[in-house]
Amino acid sequence: MKHRETPGRSGGAHQARKRFGQHFLADESVVDAIVRAIDPQPGDAVVEIGPGLSALTAPLLDRLERLTVVELDRDLAGRLRSRWSEERLRVIEADALTVDFGALLPAADAASGQAVRLRVVGNLPYNISSPLLFHLLHCADRVRDQHFMLQREVIDRMVARPGDSQYGRLSVMLQARYRMTHLFDVPPEAFDPPPRVMSAVVRMRPLAQDALRQPHDARIFERLVARVFEQRRKMIRGSLGAWAEWLDWDALGVAPTARPQELSVAQFMDMADALAAAGVTPTA
């Protein structure tokens, strides 16, 4: 197994920090597979989350004119700044959960006048992966695609279909906005230090406008999905509580005795739209 060595500012090794969930990708063949999947082009607007020891950063910069990275670890941010100039690498030293990714793009490309769409990549810290995926939903309309390394269990939940045991809130919320593909698995030994779980790489592409359906009230949709999956073993009627009284179950084509993992994304949207039409508020 080949590994990529990345020198630091002083040449010393960086000690992985558990509080940041750091597991550095070290297998060069995996890095190459990820870069091939992304297929970056020179003029692309790319943001990398969690560049770490730059295993992915370096080959991306081999193909890109400029790259933006978001790195929370001050020492790693300093290493990145010492290795590349600001003209090639923009380093945002921040928690990715606080970054407005949509604001990282200009309103339009100076040459073509067309809106720029962001490409987001990264080996995401496992301890914030789900919150970060939800955070990125807010700028999905400015995104071209996302390629992430995640815990395989999380990706299984992301791509799960109705009826699968892994199908849940994450599945519904992400599938309402993205078409997702589980690309390939990555074993623990590809990292330093190795995690205790299998990892995988996922591709996320926002749905095209002609295939995109949005609920009338996004807040009701979000609250509805969260509420029913908080008690996923209960019947929908029971988990909705007072909201159930506002729904015409026959018109919706949903059995009130169904469990949440049996319903499609479209059925959740139908229920949310019915609640919105009835004047139900998200906090009810």
Protein backbone atom coordinates (compact mmCIF):
# COMPACT_ATOMS: atom_id res chain seq x y z
CA MET A 1 0.00 0.00 0.00
CA LYS A 2 1.43 3.34 -1.08
CA HIS A 3 1.23 6.35 1.17
CA ARG A 4 1.56 10.07 0.52
CA GLU A 5 3.98 11.94 2.75
CA THR A 6 3.09 15.53 3.51
CA PRO A 7 5.77 17.66 5.18
CA GLY A 8 4.72 20.20 7.76
CA ARG A 9 5.97 23.69 8.42
CA SER A 10 8.85 22.38 10.47
CA GLY A 11 8.99 18.89 8.97
CA GLY A 12 7.57 17.35 12.15
CA ALA A 13 4.65 14.95 12.32
CA HIS A 14 1.23 16.24 13.28
CA GLN A 15 -0.47 14.38 16.11
CA ALA A 16 -4.09 13.53 15.25
CA ARG A 17 -6.50 15.21 17.66
CA LYS A 18 -9.47 13.20 18.86
CA ARG A 19 -11.56 16.27 19.64
CA PHE A 20 -11.47 17.18 15.94
CA GLY A 21 -12.20 13.61 14.84
CA GLN A 22 -8.98 13.52 12.84
CA HIS A 23 -8.18 10.46 10.72
CA PHE A 24 -5.81 11.39 7.91
CA LEU A 25 -6.17 9.71 4.55
CA ALA A 26 -2.84 8.11 3.73
CA ASP A 27 -3.45 5.61 0.92
CA GLU A 28 -2.42 7.17 -2.38
CA SER A 29 -4.54 4.79 -4.44
CA VAL A 30 -7.66 5.95 -2.56
CA VAL A 31 -6.68 9.59 -3.05
CA ASP A 32 -6.27 8.96 -6.79
CA ALA A 33 -9.68 7.25 -6.96
CA ILE A 34 -11.35 10.22 -5.25
CA VAL A 35 -9.69 12.74 -7.55
CA ARG A 36 -10.76 10.71 -10.60
CA ALA A 37 -14.33 10.67 -9.28
CA ILE A 38 -14.31 14.45 -8.76
CA ASP A 39 -12.59 15.12 -12.11
CA PRO A 40 -11.67 18.73 -11.24
CA GLN A 41 -11.16 21.18 -14.10
CA PRO A 42 -8.89 24.26 -13.96
CA GLY A 43 -11.66 26.86 -13.69
CA ASP A 44 -13.83 25.01 -11.17
CA ALA A 45 -14.78 26.72 -7.91
CA VAL A 46 -13.87 24.03 -5.37
CA VAL A 47 -14.00 24.09 -1.58
CA GLU A 48 -12.38 21.32 0.45
CA ILE A 49 -13.60 20.72 3.99
CA GLY A 50 -11.03 19.35 6.42
CA PRO A 51 -7.87 19.28 4.27
CA GLY A 52 -5.81 17.93 7.16
CA LEU A 53 -2.32 16.98 5.95
CA SER A 54 -3.26 17.90 2.36
CA ALA A 55 -3.45 14.35 0.98
CA LEU A 56 -6.32 15.47 -1.25
CA THR A 57 -5.40 19.17 -1.37
CA ALA A 58 -2.15 18.65 -3.27
CA PRO A 59 -3.56 16.58 -6.17
CA LEU A 60 -6.55 18.94 -6.42
CA LEU A 61 -4.20 21.90 -6.78
CA ASP A 62 -2.33 20.01 -9.49
CA ARG A 63 -5.52 20.39 -11.57
CA LEU A 64 -7.07 23.60 -10.29
CA GLU A 65 -6.08 27.23 -10.68
CA ARG A 66 -7.17 27.98 -7.12
CA LEU A 67 -8.65 26.11 -4.18
CA THR A 68 -10.45 27.18 -1.00
CA VAL A 69 -10.14 25.01 2.11
CA VAL A 70 -11.91 25.12 5.48
CA GLU A 71 -9.74 23.92 8.35
CA LEU A 72 -10.49 24.21 12.07
CA ASP A 73 -7.11 23.06 13.39
CA ARG A 74 -4.85 26.10 13.73
CA ASP A 75 -1.63 24.10 13.31
CA LEU A 76 -2.86 22.44 10.12
CA ALA A 77 -4.08 25.78 8.77
CA GLY A 78 -0.60 27.18 9.35
CA ARG A 79 1.02 24.26 7.53
CA LEU A 80 -1.23 24.85 4.53
CA ARG A 81 -0.46 28.58 4.42
CA SER A 82 3.27 27.90 4.57
CA ARG A 83 3.12 25.44 1.68
CA TRP A 84 1.01 27.38 -0.84
CA SER A 85 0.57 31.06 -1.63
CA GLU A 86 -2.72 32.86 -1.01
CA GLU A 87 -3.14 33.16 -4.79
CA ARG A 88 -3.33 29.36 -5.07
CA LEU A 89 -4.84 28.36 -1.74
CA ARG A 90 -7.35 30.32 0.31
CA VAL A 91 -7.43 28.98 3.88
CA ILE A 92 -10.53 29.65 5.96
CA GLU A 93 -9.68 28.83 9.56
CA ALA A 94 -13.10 28.04 10.99
CA ASP A 95 -15.56 25.38 12.04
CA ALA A 96 -17.26 24.23 8.81
CA LEU A 97 -20.62 24.32 10.63
CA THR A 98 -20.29 28.12 10.90
CA VAL A 99 -19.26 28.79 7.30
CA ASP A 100 -21.72 30.26 4.79
CA PHE A 101 -20.64 28.20 1.79
CA GLY A 102 -22.96 30.03 -0.57
CA ALA A 103 -21.14 33.27 0.24
CA LEU A 104 -17.85 31.82 -1.00
CA LEU A 105 -19.00 32.25 -4.60
CA PRO A 106 -19.20 35.40 -6.72
CA ALA A 107 -22.66 36.19 -8.08
CA ALA A 108 -21.52 35.37 -11.61
CA ASP A 109 -18.47 34.36 -13.60
CA ALA A 110 -16.72 37.51 -14.84
CA ALA A 111 -16.10 36.07 -18.32
CA SER A 112 -19.40 34.34 -19.11
CA GLY A 113 -21.80 36.19 -16.83
CA GLN A 114 -23.23 32.82 -15.79
CA ALA A 115 -23.89 31.93 -12.15
CA VAL A 116 -21.01 30.01 -10.59
CA ARG A 117 -21.80 26.73 -8.88
CA LEU A 118 -19.66 25.38 -6.09
CA ARG A 119 -18.02 21.96 -5.94
CA VAL A 120 -17.55 20.77 -2.34
CA VAL A 121 -15.23 17.91 -1.38
CA GLY A 122 -13.71 16.52 1.76
CA ASN A 123 -12.88 13.79 4.21
CA LEU A 124 -15.51 14.86 6.73
CA PRO A 125 -14.93 14.47 10.47
CA TYR A 126 -17.22 11.63 11.51
CA ASN A 127 -18.31 13.43 14.68
CA ILE A 128 -20.00 16.26 12.73
CA SER A 129 -20.88 14.57 9.44
CA SER A 130 -24.69 14.57 9.79
CA PRO A 131 -24.95 18.17 11.13
CA LEU A 132 -22.64 19.31 8.33
CA LEU A 133 -24.73 17.61 5.66
CA PHE A 134 -27.82 19.39 6.99
CA HIS A 135 -25.88 22.68 7.11
CA LEU A 136 -24.91 22.32 3.44
CA LEU A 137 -28.56 21.85 2.45
CA HIS A 138 -29.03 25.61 2.83
CA CYS A 139 -26.77 26.36 -0.15
CA ALA A 140 -27.71 23.40 -2.38
CA ASP A 141 -29.01 25.78 -5.06
CA ARG A 142 -25.46 27.15 -5.45
CA VAL A 143 -23.79 23.73 -5.55
CA ARG A 144 -22.85 21.68 -8.60
CA ASP A 145 -21.83 18.57 -6.71
CA GLN A 146 -20.37 17.24 -3.45
CA HIS A 147 -17.92 14.36 -2.99
CA PHE A 148 -17.37 13.26 0.59
CA MET A 149 -15.57 10.55 2.50
CA LEU A 150 -17.80 9.48 5.36
CA GLN A 151 -18.44 6.61 7.69
CA ARG A 152 -20.07 3.95 5.50
CA GLU A 153 -22.92 3.59 7.99
CA VAL A 154 -23.82 7.24 7.37
CA ILE A 155 -23.76 6.78 3.60
CA ASP A 156 -25.94 3.68 3.95
CA ARG A 157 -28.48 5.89 5.72
CA MET A 158 -28.16 8.64 3.11
CA VAL A 159 -29.01 6.36 0.17
CA ALA A 160 -31.46 4.01 1.95
CA ARG A 161 -34.86 3.47 0.35
CA PRO A 162 -38.28 3.24 2.03
CA GLY A 163 -38.56 -0.07 3.83
CA ASP A 164 -34.81 -0.34 4.52
CA SER A 165 -33.79 -0.51 8.15
CA GLN A 166 -31.38 2.43 7.65
CA TYR A 167 -34.05 4.68 6.12
CA GLY A 168 -34.68 7.69 8.34
CA ARG A 169 -34.60 11.44 8.73
CA LEU A 170 -31.22 11.80 7.00
CA SER A 171 -32.44 9.72 4.04
CA VAL A 172 -35.62 11.78 3.55
CA MET A 173 -34.10 15.23 3.97
CA LEU A 174 -31.15 14.60 1.66
CA GLN A 175 -33.07 12.67 -0.99
CA ALA A 176 -35.53 15.55 -1.20
CA ARG A 177 -32.67 17.68 -2.53
CA TYR A 178 -29.94 15.44 -3.97
CA ARG A 179 -29.34 12.45 -6.18
CA MET A 180 -26.72 10.44 -4.29
CA THR A 181 -24.40 7.63 -5.32
CA HIS A 182 -22.31 5.40 -3.07
CA LEU A 183 -19.11 5.25 -5.12
CA PHE A 184 -16.77 2.90 -3.24
CA ASP A 185 -15.69 1.73 0.22
CA VAL A 186 -12.46 2.69 1.98
CA PRO A 187 -10.99 0.35 4.63
CA PRO A 188 -9.68 1.59 8.01
CA GLU A 189 -6.06 0.87 7.07
CA ALA A 190 -6.22 3.65 4.45
CA PHE A 191 -6.08 6.19 7.31
CA ASP A 192 -3.57 7.26 9.93
CA PRO A 193 -4.64 6.63 12.62
CA PRO A 194 -7.10 4.02 11.35
CA PRO A 195 -10.71 4.52 12.49
CA ARG A 196 -12.67 1.62 13.95
CA VAL A 197 -15.24 1.73 11.16
CA MET A 198 -15.43 1.24 7.41
CA SER A 199 -15.56 4.43 5.36
CA ALA A 200 -16.95 5.16 1.91
CA VAL A 201 -17.12 7.88 -0.72
CA VAL A 202 -20.43 9.39 -1.82
CA ARG A 203 -21.34 11.68 -4.71
CA MET A 204 -24.17 14.16 -4.12
CA ARG A 205 -25.68 16.13 -7.00
CA PRO A 206 -28.54 18.58 -6.39
CA LEU A 207 -31.66 17.57 -8.29
CA ALA A 208 -32.28 19.45 -11.52
CA GLN A 209 -35.01 22.09 -11.37
CA ASP A 210 -37.36 20.01 -13.55
CA ALA A 211 -36.98 17.08 -11.14
CA LEU A 212 -37.03 19.14 -7.95
CA ARG A 213 -40.14 19.35 -5.85
CA GLN A 214 -40.08 21.55 -2.79
CA PRO A 215 -42.66 21.55 0.04
CA HIS A 216 -44.87 24.61 0.37
CA ASP A 217 -43.45 25.26 3.83
CA ALA A 218 -39.93 23.89 4.35
CA ARG A 219 -40.17 24.36 8.13
CA ILE A 220 -43.24 22.16 8.40
CA PHE A 221 -41.61 19.51 6.22
CA GLU A 222 -38.45 19.52 8.34
CA ARG A 223 -40.39 19.39 11.61
CA LEU A 224 -42.72 16.66 10.36
CA VAL A 225 -39.85 14.41 9.27
CA ALA A 226 -37.93 15.02 12.50
CA ARG A 227 -41.00 14.36 14.64
CA VAL A 228 -42.00 11.02 13.11
CA PHE A 229 -38.46 9.62 13.11
CA GLU A 230 -37.96 10.55 16.75
CA GLN A 231 -40.36 7.66 17.40
CA ARG A 232 -39.73 5.57 14.30
CA ARG A 233 -41.29 2.42 15.78
CA LYS A 234 -44.64 4.11 16.37
CA MET A 235 -47.42 4.40 13.82
CA ILE A 236 -47.45 7.70 11.95
CA ARG A 237 -50.76 8.64 13.56
CA GLY A 238 -49.30 8.25 17.03
CA SER A 239 -46.01 10.03 16.39
CA LEU A 240 -47.74 13.05 14.84
CA GLY A 241 -49.93 13.62 17.88
CA ALA A 242 -52.37 16.52 17.37
CA TRP A 243 -51.15 17.02 13.80
CA ALA A 244 -52.79 13.72 12.80
CA GLU A 245 -56.24 15.28 13.18
CA TRP A 246 -55.53 17.73 10.36
CA LEU A 247 -54.76 15.05 7.76
CA ASP A 248 -57.14 13.37 5.32
CA TRP A 249 -55.41 9.99 5.28
CA ASP A 250 -57.51 8.58 2.43
CA ALA A 251 -56.80 11.58 0.20
CA LEU A 252 -53.10 11.29 0.96
CA GLY A 253 -53.06 7.58 0.25
CA VAL A 254 -51.22 6.98 3.51
CA ALA A 255 -52.36 4.49 6.12
CA PRO A 256 -52.34 6.12 9.58
CA THR A 257 -51.06 2.80 10.91
CA ALA A 258 -47.93 2.98 8.69
CA ARG A 259 -44.48 3.37 10.23
CA PRO A 260 -42.36 6.33 9.07
CA GLN A 261 -39.74 4.11 7.39
CA GLU A 262 -42.45 2.86 4.99
CA LEU A 263 -43.20 6.28 3.46
CA SER A 264 -41.53 7.84 0.42
CA VAL A 265 -40.06 11.34 0.27
CA ALA A 266 -43.02 12.40 -1.89
CA GLN A 267 -45.50 11.13 0.71
CA PHE A 268 -43.78 13.13 3.44
CA MET A 269 -44.03 16.22 1.24
CA ASP A 270 -47.73 15.52 0.59
CA MET A 271 -48.34 15.34 4.34
CA ALA A 272 -46.38 18.53 4.98
CA ASP A 273 -48.28 20.38 2.24
CA ALA A 274 -51.60 19.21 3.69
CA LEU A 275 -50.58 20.54 7.11
CA ALA A 276 -49.46 23.83 5.56
CA ALA A 277 -52.82 24.16 3.75
CA ALA A 278 -54.61 23.55 7.04
CA GLY A 279 -52.70 26.43 8.63
CA VAL A 280 -50.66 24.29 11.02
CA THR A 281 -47.54 26.02 12.34
CA PRO A 282 -44.13 24.28 12.54
CA THR A 283 -44.04 24.55 16.33
CA ALA A 284 -47.50 23.07 16.87
